[in-house]
Amino acid sequence: MEHYLDIKIVPDDDVPIYFIRNKVYSKLHKALSSLSSTDIGISFPQYKIKLGNVIRLHGTDKNLAELQDINWLGGLSGYCDVSEIQAVPSQVAGYRIVSRKQPTMNLKKLEKRVQYQKAQGVLKTQDEVKEYEKQYKAKMYATGLDNPYLELDSSSNGHKHRRYIQFGEVIERPIKGEFDTFGLSKIATVPWF
């Protein structure tokens, strides 16, 4: 993680920043997948409560150059200012894990639970199913996530889904590890500056 580049989303009167950020992140995921990359991490240096308008990519000079060589932004490049690949500053605030946070309850799980409980004979009537769904949804929304998220289009089924982002505590020393094709890791840190 000795190099980085910043992708700054340029405000546009017609297209909101969050919409462009979601599209850029989707394209980044596709590019990292096509490269089978496990060594490019991501951070959002303007993160406070929201993710902000800068996506920072971390990696080696070689890996970041390889990514940039495939022109992965395509038509979205007009909405972005992409920095040159630069060395990470010698003094950083620390290192941080940026990972995915998954909700423990969701509508797919509800559907599976209902099917299972019907098969087991626990839910016998439509009224019982409706009451169970109502209680589950109330609990699901009461315990929902308040993490910042990106709303992505699934390439497999076309549905939208949210990828919630979790920011670990800032620590003093880096931890090496692999990143997924979304640039996230449960183990590896990125420099935080």
Protein backbone atom coordinates (compact mmCIF):
# COMPACT_ATOMS: atom_id res chain seq x y z
CA MET A 1 0.00 0.00 0.00
CA GLU A 2 2.77 2.41 -0.80
CA HIS A 3 0.89 4.23 -3.58
CA TYR A 4 -2.57 5.66 -4.14
CA LEU A 5 -4.71 7.64 -6.52
CA ASP A 6 -7.79 9.74 -5.87
CA ILE A 7 -10.96 9.78 -7.91
CA LYS A 8 -12.84 12.97 -7.16
CA ILE A 9 -16.46 13.06 -8.23
CA VAL A 10 -17.12 16.42 -9.90
CA PRO A 11 -20.46 17.99 -8.89
CA ASP A 12 -22.97 18.22 -11.72
CA ASP A 13 -26.24 20.19 -11.69
CA ASP A 14 -28.13 17.33 -13.34
CA VAL A 15 -26.60 14.26 -11.69
CA PRO A 16 -26.17 13.91 -7.90
CA ILE A 17 -22.75 12.98 -6.50
CA TYR A 18 -24.05 9.84 -4.81
CA PHE A 19 -25.43 8.55 -8.15
CA ILE A 20 -22.09 9.07 -9.92
CA ARG A 21 -20.17 7.58 -6.95
CA ASN A 22 -22.35 4.45 -7.10
CA LYS A 23 -21.72 4.07 -10.84
CA VAL A 24 -17.96 4.64 -10.46
CA TYR A 25 -17.82 2.03 -7.67
CA SER A 26 -19.75 -0.48 -9.80
CA LYS A 27 -17.28 0.03 -12.66
CA LEU A 28 -14.36 -0.30 -10.25
CA HIS A 29 -15.75 -3.62 -9.02
CA LYS A 30 -16.03 -4.90 -12.60
CA ALA A 31 -12.47 -3.77 -13.37
CA LEU A 32 -11.03 -5.40 -10.21
CA SER A 33 -12.95 -8.58 -11.05
CA SER A 34 -11.60 -8.66 -14.60
CA LEU A 35 -8.05 -8.23 -13.24
CA SER A 36 -8.66 -10.83 -10.48
CA SER A 37 -7.20 -8.20 -8.17
CA THR A 38 -6.69 -8.94 -4.47
CA ASP A 39 -4.19 -6.18 -3.75
CA ILE A 40 -6.03 -2.93 -4.43
CA GLY A 41 -7.83 -1.45 -1.45
CA ILE A 42 -10.26 1.42 -1.24
CA SER A 43 -10.97 4.21 1.19
CA PHE A 44 -13.17 7.28 1.38
CA PRO A 45 -10.94 10.02 2.84
CA GLN A 46 -13.80 12.52 3.23
CA TYR A 47 -15.87 10.08 5.28
CA LYS A 48 -17.63 11.64 8.24
CA ILE A 49 -21.26 10.51 8.29
CA LYS A 50 -21.45 10.22 4.50
CA LEU A 51 -18.82 8.77 2.16
CA GLY A 52 -17.97 12.08 0.49
CA ASN A 53 -16.99 12.71 -3.12
CA VAL A 54 -13.49 11.17 -3.15
CA ILE A 55 -12.74 7.50 -3.70
CA ARG A 56 -9.12 6.65 -2.91
CA LEU A 57 -7.49 3.53 -4.37
CA HIS A 58 -4.48 2.04 -2.57
CA GLY A 59 -1.94 -0.40 -3.95
CA THR A 60 1.44 -0.68 -5.57
CA ASP A 61 2.47 1.65 -8.36
CA LYS A 62 2.37 -1.32 -10.76
CA ASN A 63 -1.11 -2.53 -9.74
CA LEU A 64 -2.67 0.92 -9.90
CA ALA A 65 -1.05 1.58 -13.30
CA GLU A 66 -2.40 -1.75 -14.58
CA LEU A 67 -5.88 -0.75 -13.45
CA GLN A 68 -5.64 2.67 -15.09
CA ASP A 69 -4.33 1.13 -18.32
CA ILE A 70 -7.65 -0.64 -18.94
CA ASN A 71 -9.55 2.69 -19.00
CA TRP A 72 -12.14 1.25 -16.62
CA LEU A 73 -14.00 4.53 -16.01
CA GLY A 74 -15.07 4.80 -19.63
CA GLY A 75 -17.82 7.40 -20.08
CA LEU A 76 -17.81 8.26 -16.38
CA SER A 77 -14.37 9.89 -16.71
CA GLY A 78 -16.14 13.15 -17.61
CA TYR A 79 -17.66 13.20 -14.12
CA CYS A 80 -14.35 12.54 -12.34
CA ASP A 81 -11.00 14.16 -11.70
CA VAL A 82 -8.49 11.32 -11.40
CA SER A 83 -5.16 12.13 -9.80
CA GLU A 84 -1.83 10.75 -10.87
CA ILE A 85 -0.53 7.73 -8.98
CA GLN A 86 1.32 9.12 -5.97
CA ALA A 87 3.40 7.82 -3.10
CA VAL A 88 1.58 7.60 0.24
CA PRO A 89 2.80 10.44 2.50
CA SER A 90 5.45 9.42 5.03
CA GLN A 91 3.24 10.72 7.86
CA VAL A 92 -0.28 9.30 7.93
CA ALA A 93 -2.92 9.44 10.66
CA GLY A 94 -2.69 5.65 10.89
CA TYR A 95 -4.15 2.60 9.20
CA ARG A 96 -7.72 1.47 8.98
CA ILE A 97 -9.74 -1.54 7.89
CA VAL A 98 -12.47 -0.58 5.44
CA SER A 99 -14.87 -3.50 5.11
CA ARG A 100 -18.38 -4.53 4.23
CA LYS A 101 -21.03 -4.56 6.95
CA GLN A 102 -23.90 -6.94 6.28
CA PRO A 103 -27.29 -6.74 7.91
CA THR A 104 -28.25 -9.85 9.87
CA MET A 105 -31.87 -9.59 8.77
CA ASN A 106 -33.13 -9.01 5.25
CA LEU A 107 -36.08 -9.76 2.97
CA LYS A 108 -34.38 -12.76 1.33
CA LYS A 109 -33.87 -14.34 4.75
CA LEU A 110 -37.49 -13.60 5.61
CA GLU A 111 -38.63 -15.38 2.46
CA LYS A 112 -36.52 -18.44 3.29
CA ARG A 113 -37.73 -18.48 6.90
CA VAL A 114 -41.36 -18.34 5.81
CA GLN A 115 -40.84 -21.20 3.34
CA TYR A 116 -39.06 -23.29 5.97
CA GLN A 117 -41.70 -22.66 8.62
CA LYS A 118 -44.48 -23.50 6.15
CA ALA A 119 -42.72 -26.75 5.26
CA GLN A 120 -42.35 -27.60 8.98
CA GLY A 121 -46.03 -26.88 9.58
CA VAL A 122 -45.34 -23.97 11.96
CA LEU A 123 -47.08 -21.42 9.72
CA LYS A 124 -50.34 -22.97 8.53
CA THR A 125 -52.56 -20.07 7.46
CA GLN A 126 -52.04 -16.97 5.38
CA ASP A 127 -52.89 -14.86 8.44
CA GLU A 128 -50.07 -16.55 10.39
CA VAL A 129 -47.66 -15.86 7.52
CA LYS A 130 -48.71 -12.18 7.38
CA GLU A 131 -48.32 -11.78 11.15
CA TYR A 132 -44.90 -13.46 11.09
CA GLU A 133 -43.75 -11.24 8.19
CA LYS A 134 -45.04 -8.14 10.01
CA GLN A 135 -43.12 -9.00 13.19
CA TYR A 136 -39.95 -9.87 11.27
CA LYS A 137 -40.03 -6.63 9.28
CA ALA A 138 -40.64 -4.55 12.40
CA LYS A 139 -37.60 -6.13 14.05
CA MET A 140 -35.53 -5.83 10.85
CA TYR A 141 -36.21 -2.11 10.49
CA ALA A 142 -35.71 -1.46 14.20
CA THR A 143 -32.25 -3.05 14.07
CA GLY A 144 -31.30 -1.66 10.65
CA LEU A 145 -27.84 -0.43 9.76
CA ASP A 146 -26.96 3.24 9.85
CA ASN A 147 -23.59 2.79 8.12
CA PRO A 148 -22.91 4.72 4.92
CA TYR A 149 -23.58 2.66 1.83
CA LEU A 150 -23.27 2.43 -1.92
CA GLU A 151 -26.28 1.37 -3.95
CA LEU A 152 -25.17 -1.00 -6.68
CA ASP A 153 -26.81 -2.79 -9.58
CA SER A 154 -26.34 -6.55 -9.47
CA SER A 155 -24.78 -7.80 -12.69
CA SER A 156 -26.38 -11.23 -12.18
CA ASN A 157 -30.04 -10.24 -11.71
CA GLY A 158 -30.19 -6.47 -12.32
CA HIS A 159 -31.60 -5.72 -8.87
CA LYS A 160 -30.27 -2.89 -6.73
CA HIS A 161 -28.59 -3.74 -3.45
CA ARG A 162 -26.82 -1.75 -0.79
CA ARG A 163 -23.23 -2.40 0.15
CA TYR A 164 -22.81 -0.98 3.62
CA ILE A 165 -19.31 0.23 4.49
CA GLN A 166 -17.73 -0.18 7.91
CA PHE A 167 -14.69 1.79 9.04
CA GLY A 168 -12.49 0.19 11.68
CA GLU A 169 -10.60 2.11 14.32
CA VAL A 170 -7.47 3.97 13.20
CA ILE A 171 -4.46 1.93 14.34
CA GLU A 172 -0.71 2.62 14.36
CA ARG A 173 0.63 -0.24 12.22
CA PRO A 174 -0.51 -1.64 8.87
CA ILE A 175 -1.90 -5.16 8.59
CA LYS A 176 -1.28 -7.02 5.34
CA GLY A 177 -3.93 -9.13 3.68
CA GLU A 178 -6.06 -9.49 0.59
CA PHE A 179 -8.88 -7.29 -0.65
CA ASP A 180 -12.02 -8.48 -2.40
CA THR A 181 -13.07 -7.27 -5.84
CA PHE A 182 -14.84 -4.36 -4.17
CA GLY A 183 -11.52 -3.16 -2.66
CA LEU A 184 -12.68 -4.11 0.85
CA SER A 185 -11.14 -6.39 3.47
CA LYS A 186 -12.00 -7.72 6.93
CA ILE A 187 -8.27 -8.04 7.71
CA ALA A 188 -6.05 -5.75 5.61
CA THR A 189 -5.66 -2.06 6.36
CA VAL A 190 -5.23 0.94 4.12
CA PRO A 191 -3.27 4.08 5.07
CA TRP A 192 -5.59 6.74 6.45
CA PHE A 193 -4.76 10.32 5.49
